[in-house]
Protein backbone atom coordinates (compact mmCIF):
# COMPACT_ATOMS: atom_id res chain seq x y z
CA MET A 1 -71.15 9.83 21.15
CA LYS A 2 -75.30 10.01 20.60
CA SER A 3 -75.96 12.59 18.11
CA VAL A 4 -79.03 14.79 18.54
CA ALA A 5 -80.51 17.63 16.30
CA VAL A 6 -82.28 20.71 17.98
CA ILE A 7 -84.87 21.84 15.31
CA VAL A 8 -86.01 25.32 15.86
CA PRO A 9 -88.63 26.84 13.27
CA ALA A 10 -88.50 30.32 12.87
CA LEU A 11 -90.22 33.18 10.90
CA ASN A 12 -89.04 36.71 10.73
CA GLU A 13 -86.78 36.31 13.99
CA ALA A 14 -83.96 38.67 12.74
CA ALA A 15 -84.52 40.65 15.91
CA ASN A 16 -83.58 37.91 18.37
CA ILE A 17 -82.51 34.88 16.25
CA VAL A 18 -78.71 35.08 16.93
CA THR A 19 -79.00 36.06 20.73
CA ASN A 20 -81.47 33.44 21.23
CA MET A 21 -79.37 30.50 19.54
CA ALA A 22 -76.35 31.42 21.48
CA HIS A 23 -78.21 31.01 24.62
CA VAL A 24 -79.42 27.52 23.34
CA ARG A 25 -75.89 26.69 22.54
CA THR A 26 -74.77 27.73 25.93
CA CYS A 27 -77.36 25.07 27.35
CA LEU A 28 -76.57 22.45 24.83
CA ASP A 29 -72.80 22.77 25.87
CA THR A 30 -73.44 21.52 29.49
CA VAL A 31 -75.08 18.27 28.24
CA PRO A 32 -72.25 15.54 28.24
CA GLY A 33 -71.99 12.43 25.97
CA VAL A 34 -73.98 14.12 23.30
CA THR A 35 -73.05 15.67 19.95
CA PHE A 36 -75.65 18.51 19.18
CA THR A 37 -76.52 20.28 15.72
CA LEU A 38 -78.80 23.19 16.07
CA ILE A 39 -80.74 23.73 12.98
CA VAL A 40 -83.09 26.71 12.35
CA VAL A 41 -85.84 26.17 9.86
CA ASP A 42 -86.45 29.35 8.24
CA ASP A 43 -90.01 29.26 7.20
CA GLY A 44 -89.87 31.50 4.58
CA SER A 45 -89.02 34.76 6.49
CA THR A 46 -89.20 37.98 4.71
CA ASP A 47 -86.35 39.76 6.90
CA ASP A 48 -82.90 38.60 7.59
CA THR A 49 -83.36 35.83 9.63
CA ALA A 50 -81.66 33.28 7.27
CA ARG A 51 -78.64 35.40 6.58
CA LEU A 52 -77.96 36.07 10.41
CA VAL A 53 -77.82 32.33 11.09
CA ARG A 54 -75.61 31.67 8.11
CA GLU A 55 -73.30 34.30 9.33
CA ALA A 56 -73.37 32.90 12.88
CA GLY A 57 -72.74 29.65 11.48
CA ALA A 58 -69.47 30.47 10.01
CA SER A 59 -68.09 30.61 13.28
CA ASP A 60 -70.25 27.55 14.79
CA PRO A 61 -70.13 24.61 12.58
CA LEU A 62 -72.86 23.03 14.63
CA LEU A 63 -75.33 25.71 13.88
CA LYS A 64 -77.15 25.30 10.55
CA VAL A 65 -80.11 26.86 8.68
CA LEU A 66 -82.49 25.08 6.53
CA ARG A 67 -84.54 27.54 4.56
CA LEU A 68 -87.85 26.79 2.99
CA ASN A 69 -88.52 28.51 -0.47
CA ARG A 70 -91.69 30.34 1.05
CA HIS A 71 -93.80 30.32 4.28
CA PHE A 72 -95.26 27.00 4.34
CA GLY A 73 -96.50 26.97 7.99
CA LYS A 74 -94.92 25.98 11.32
CA GLU A 75 -96.17 22.32 11.11
CA SER A 76 -94.35 22.13 7.54
CA ALA A 77 -91.26 23.50 9.07
CA ILE A 78 -91.34 21.07 11.61
CA TYR A 79 -91.81 18.36 9.17
CA ALA A 80 -89.16 19.59 6.97
CA GLY A 81 -86.59 19.71 9.81
CA LEU A 82 -87.67 16.10 11.03
CA CYS A 83 -87.18 14.73 7.45
CA ALA A 84 -83.71 16.36 7.32
CA THR A 85 -82.27 14.86 10.59
CA ARG A 86 -83.80 11.36 10.40
CA GLU A 87 -80.17 9.87 10.61
CA PHE A 88 -79.75 11.56 14.07
CA ASP A 89 -80.02 9.52 16.90
CA ALA A 90 -82.69 11.77 18.27
CA CYS A 91 -84.41 15.29 17.67
CA VAL A 92 -85.57 17.90 20.02
CA VAL A 93 -88.20 20.30 18.67
CA MET A 94 -88.46 23.84 20.27
CA ASP A 95 -89.63 27.39 19.77
CA SER A 96 -87.39 30.30 18.51
CA ASP A 97 -88.46 32.67 21.20
CA LEU A 98 -87.39 30.98 24.43
CA GLN A 99 -90.69 30.35 25.63
CA HIS A 100 -89.58 26.67 25.63
CA PRO A 101 -86.65 26.74 28.06
CA PRO A 102 -83.62 25.11 26.55
CA GLU A 103 -82.27 24.51 30.22
CA LEU A 104 -84.99 21.36 29.94
CA ILE A 105 -82.96 19.64 27.21
CA ALA A 106 -80.57 18.26 29.67
CA GLN A 107 -83.61 16.34 31.45
CA MET A 108 -84.91 15.49 28.13
CA ILE A 109 -81.64 13.49 27.36
CA GLU A 110 -81.57 12.05 30.75
CA HIS A 111 -85.01 10.49 30.32
CA TRP A 112 -84.25 9.53 26.66
CA GLN A 113 -81.13 7.68 27.60
CA GLY A 114 -83.20 5.89 30.38
CA GLY A 115 -85.41 4.24 27.71
CA ALA A 116 -88.13 6.92 26.45
CA ARG A 117 -88.93 7.16 23.03
CA VAL A 118 -90.66 10.51 23.49
CA VAL A 119 -89.94 13.05 26.13
CA GLU A 120 -92.47 16.14 25.96
CA ALA A 121 -92.49 19.30 27.89
CA VAL A 122 -96.03 20.07 29.30
CA LYS A 123 -97.10 23.76 30.42
CA GLN A 124 -97.54 23.75 34.19
CA SER A 125 -98.51 27.51 33.67
CA ARG A 126 -99.33 29.41 30.57
CA GLY A 127 -97.42 32.78 31.18
CA ASN A 128 -99.15 36.00 30.80
CA GLU A 129 -101.85 34.84 28.57
CA THR A 130 -105.22 36.75 29.42
CA ARG A 131 -108.03 34.80 31.25
CA ALA A 132 -110.33 34.92 28.11
CA ARG A 133 -107.62 33.01 25.89
CA ARG A 134 -106.87 30.74 28.79
CA ALA A 135 -110.74 29.71 28.87
CA LEU A 136 -110.67 29.09 25.04
CA VAL A 137 -107.74 26.94 25.16
CA GLN A 138 -109.32 24.86 27.83
CA ILE A 139 -112.48 24.75 25.83
CA TYR A 140 -110.31 23.69 22.92
CA TYR A 141 -108.40 20.82 24.81
CA GLY A 142 -111.78 19.45 25.87
CA LEU A 143 -113.37 19.37 22.55
CA PHE A 144 -110.15 17.78 20.94
CA ARG A 145 -110.25 15.15 23.84
CA TYR A 146 -114.02 14.26 23.45
CA LEU A 147 -113.94 14.34 19.55
CA THR A 148 -110.71 12.56 19.01
CA LYS A 149 -110.09 10.35 22.08
CA LEU A 150 -106.77 11.79 22.59
CA SER A 151 -105.54 14.10 25.24
CA ILE A 152 -102.90 16.94 24.50
CA ARG A 153 -104.01 19.06 27.34
CA GLY A 154 -100.99 21.27 28.44
CA GLU A 155 -98.91 19.91 25.75
CA SER A 156 -96.51 21.97 23.35
CA ASP A 157 -94.01 21.25 20.43
CA PHE A 158 -91.30 21.14 22.66
CA LYS A 159 -90.65 17.44 22.60
CA LEU A 160 -87.61 14.91 22.02
CA LEU A 161 -88.16 12.16 19.67
CA ASP A 162 -86.15 9.12 19.31
CA LYS A 163 -84.88 8.19 15.87
CA THR A 164 -87.67 5.50 15.56
CA VAL A 165 -90.31 8.19 16.35
CA VAL A 166 -88.78 10.45 13.91
CA SER A 167 -88.59 7.88 11.20
CA ALA A 168 -92.34 6.70 11.95
CA TYR A 169 -93.57 10.35 11.94
CA CYS A 170 -91.82 10.96 8.59
CA GLN A 171 -93.59 8.09 6.93
CA LEU A 172 -96.89 9.28 7.58
CA PRO A 173 -98.46 10.08 4.24
CA GLU A 174 -100.99 12.93 4.92
CA HIS A 175 -100.29 16.39 3.86
CA GLY A 176 -102.19 18.55 6.48
CA ARG A 177 -100.18 17.60 9.70
CA PHE A 178 -100.71 18.29 13.40
CA PHE A 179 -97.31 17.68 15.19
CA ARG A 180 -98.69 17.38 18.85
CA GLY A 181 -101.45 15.12 17.85
CA LEU A 182 -99.66 12.88 15.64
CA VAL A 183 -96.96 12.14 18.14
CA LYS A 184 -99.78 11.24 20.59
CA TRP A 185 -101.61 9.15 17.98
CA MET A 186 -98.41 6.95 17.42
CA GLY A 187 -98.32 5.73 21.13
CA TYR A 188 -94.63 5.47 21.79
CA HIS A 189 -93.73 5.50 25.51
CA ALA A 190 -93.51 9.15 26.67
CA VAL A 191 -92.07 10.86 29.68
CA GLN A 192 -93.73 14.34 30.63
CA ILE A 193 -91.54 17.30 32.18
CA PRO A 194 -93.73 20.03 33.49
CA PHE A 195 -92.59 23.68 32.80
CA ASP A 196 -93.56 27.43 33.10
CA VAL A 197 -93.93 29.13 29.95
CA ALA A 198 -91.22 31.94 29.82
CA GLU A 199 -91.91 35.58 28.40
CA SER A 200 -91.32 35.59 24.71
CA THR A 201 -88.52 37.49 23.25
CA ARG A 202 -90.84 38.46 20.44
CA GLN A 203 -92.65 41.82 20.78
CA ARG A 204 -95.52 40.66 19.06
CA SER A 205 -96.97 37.39 18.83
CA ALA A 206 -97.24 35.89 15.25
CA TRP A 207 -100.31 33.81 16.60
CA GLY A 208 -103.57 35.95 16.57
CA ASN A 209 -106.70 34.91 17.54
CA THR A 210 -107.94 34.30 14.05
CA ALA A 211 -104.76 32.20 13.56
CA LEU A 212 -105.41 30.18 16.74
CA PHE A 213 -108.98 29.55 15.61
CA ARG A 214 -107.98 28.29 12.24
CA TYR A 215 -105.19 26.23 13.88
CA ALA A 216 -107.79 24.80 16.17
CA ILE A 217 -110.27 23.83 13.49
CA ASN A 218 -107.53 22.27 11.25
CA SER A 219 -106.30 20.11 14.10
CA ILE A 220 -109.64 18.68 15.14
CA THR A 221 -110.74 17.94 11.36
CA SER A 222 -107.17 16.41 10.72
CA PHE A 223 -107.81 13.80 13.29
CA THR A 224 -111.42 12.95 13.34
CA ALA A 225 -114.87 12.95 11.17
CA TYR A 226 -117.14 12.67 14.24
CA PRO A 227 -118.00 16.51 13.52
CA LEU A 228 -119.64 15.48 10.41
CA GLN A 229 -122.09 13.38 12.80
CA ILE A 230 -123.33 16.83 14.08
CA VAL A 231 -125.07 17.39 10.64
CA THR A 232 -127.20 14.14 11.23
CA LEU A 233 -127.87 15.16 14.88
CA LEU A 234 -129.15 18.84 13.93
CA GLY A 235 -131.15 17.25 11.06
CA GLY A 236 -132.94 14.99 13.41
CA LEU A 237 -133.40 17.77 16.01
CA THR A 238 -134.52 20.18 13.29
CA PHE A 239 -137.21 17.36 12.01
CA PHE A 240 -138.42 17.05 15.65
CA VAL A 241 -138.82 20.91 16.17
CA SER A 242 -140.62 21.19 12.79
CA LEU A 243 -142.97 18.09 13.72
CA LEU A 244 -143.79 20.02 16.96
CA ILE A 245 -144.33 23.29 15.39
CA GLY A 246 -146.49 21.89 12.56
CA GLY A 247 -148.56 19.92 15.28
CA MET A 248 -149.27 22.90 17.04
CA ALA A 249 -150.01 24.95 14.05
CA LEU A 250 -152.57 22.26 12.62
CA PHE A 251 -154.11 21.94 16.23
CA ASP A 252 -155.00 25.56 16.25
CA LYS A 253 -156.24 25.46 12.72
CA LEU A 254 -158.73 22.65 13.41
CA SER A 255 -159.79 24.20 16.66
CA GLY A 256 -160.41 27.61 14.96
CA ALA A 257 -157.71 29.23 17.12
CA ALA A 258 -155.34 30.10 14.43
CA VAL A 259 -153.70 33.61 14.38
CA ASP A 260 -153.03 35.26 11.09
CA GLY A 261 -149.33 35.79 10.22
CA PHE A 262 -146.82 33.71 9.55
CA THR A 263 -144.45 33.52 12.69
CA THR A 264 -144.56 30.08 12.59
CA VAL A 265 -143.41 29.60 9.04
CA ILE A 266 -140.60 32.41 9.47
CA LEU A 267 -139.44 30.53 12.55
CA LEU A 268 -139.32 27.10 10.38
CA ILE A 269 -137.37 28.90 7.80
CA LEU A 270 -134.79 30.44 9.82
CA ILE A 271 -134.27 27.31 11.99
CA ILE A 272 -133.97 25.12 9.03
CA GLY A 273 -131.72 27.86 6.79
CA SER A 274 -129.45 28.11 9.73
CA VAL A 275 -128.78 24.21 10.14
CA LEU A 276 -128.35 23.79 6.40
CA MET A 277 -125.76 26.76 6.42
CA PHE A 278 -123.80 25.22 9.05
CA SER A 279 -124.01 21.68 7.73
CA VAL A 280 -122.94 23.09 4.27
CA GLY A 281 -119.96 24.80 5.90
CA LEU A 282 -119.12 21.91 8.05
CA ILE A 283 -119.05 19.62 5.13
CA GLY A 284 -117.06 22.15 3.12
CA ILE A 285 -114.26 22.15 5.66
CA TYR A 286 -114.05 18.14 5.19
CA VAL A 287 -114.10 18.71 1.30
CA GLY A 288 -111.65 21.25 1.52
CA ARG A 289 -109.21 18.87 3.58
CA ILE A 290 -109.72 16.14 1.14
CA TYR A 291 -108.86 18.61 -1.76
CA GLU A 292 -105.62 19.38 -0.26
CA GLU A 293 -104.82 15.74 0.27
CA VAL A 294 -105.47 14.46 -3.09
CA LYS A 295 -103.42 17.21 -4.72
CA ARG A 296 -100.53 15.20 -3.36
CA ARG A 297 -98.38 18.49 -3.38
CA PRO A 298 -95.35 18.17 -0.95
CA GLY A 299 -95.80 19.93 2.32
CA TYR A 300 -92.53 22.24 1.71
CA LEU A 301 -89.92 23.12 -0.71
CA ILE A 302 -86.20 23.69 0.20
CA ASP A 303 -84.04 26.77 -0.93
CA GLN A 304 -80.93 24.75 -1.02
CA GLU A 305 -78.64 27.79 -1.93
CA GLY A 306 -80.13 29.69 1.20
CA SER A 307 -79.51 26.63 3.39
CA THR A 308 -76.24 25.42 5.11
CA LEU A 309 -77.55 22.28 6.20
CA ASP A 310 -76.96 19.23 3.78
CA THR A 311 -80.28 18.66 2.41
CA ALA A 312 -79.23 15.15 0.80
CA ALA A 313 -81.11 13.51 3.63
CA VAL A 314 -84.26 15.30 2.45
CA THR A 315 -84.02 14.94 -1.32
CA GLY A 316 -81.97 11.86 -1.61
CA LYS A 317 -84.94 9.46 -1.25
CA ALA A 318 -86.95 11.39 -4.10
CA VAL A 319 -83.89 11.58 -6.49
CA SER A 320 -83.10 7.86 -6.00
CA LYS A 321 -87.01 6.89 -7.00
CA THR A 322 -86.69 9.19 -9.86
CA ARG A 323 -83.33 7.49 -11.10
CA THR A 324 -84.95 3.89 -10.63
CA ALA A 325 -87.96 4.82 -12.64
CA LYS A 326 -86.05 6.16 -15.31
CA ALA A 327 -83.84 3.01 -15.11
CA LYS A 328 -86.92 0.83 -15.46
CA THR A 329 -88.15 2.88 -18.33
CA LYS A 330 -85.07 2.68 -20.29
CA GLY A 331 -84.96 -1.11 -19.55
CA ALA A 332 -88.51 -1.41 -20.96
CA ASP A 333 -87.66 0.65 -24.11
CA LYS A 334 -84.45 -1.80 -24.92
CA SER A 335 -86.73 -4.70 -24.39
């Protein structure tokens, strides 16, 4: 019997989490030859999400909750879930609001058993999104592909990862993570399954326009430094415009056709000032990412008292390293 963990990040889902997980469990029970463990990663919810999952898990030993100390973000919740399930033969990551149809898990298992290391669900339609948001999403996909040379068009976090892929993902050292991009970057053989995005069980989406814009910026800057070259391009363009306008102003002056006023000076100041501010802001984004990386803080902290999943798989490695370091220190003191 193969063991598969289904990782479900959740944030303030008390209204629907028990019902949704019951539906997922029903779909999992139809898959033969596989033992599933359903793990809800509570990303620091301020409602009763974790408590409700614990109570539901009292009658279902295969339903677990992994609770984080506070809200670290969806990427950190996925990372925590994968680190806690590295001993499973495979892991499935999906959303908690049933927009990722759990009925597809059976097909994912079939492709995985057929040799695929990664099985990813790709959006065939985007549900009831507005035209404006769809257009912005397409622009984002195009920019991401152009700047990073990786295509994630239509992809989602709904993926099945083989044990080898999970191990490789957890060994990546960076702090700021983009799950979809990193899985694509690793280059394992992948099979894609199309699906239509279902209606969310949430009354209100947690991803507003501001959050999505920030997410897009972080995902692009975490994969490429190419946007920094825009600064050089803008500098060259500004220099060319300055030479052109300066030459025209000098010609008018020498020919006696110069007009009183500071229009040319004002235009130059506005152009150069705008380019400088844009460049400083872009550089600041990358400096901020460097600052977050060099601090080397953990991507998440686990509330072990609020979790029902055995967190030894998450903390054991760190504990082992600490004990080894202490043993070496004692040995050095004795010598």
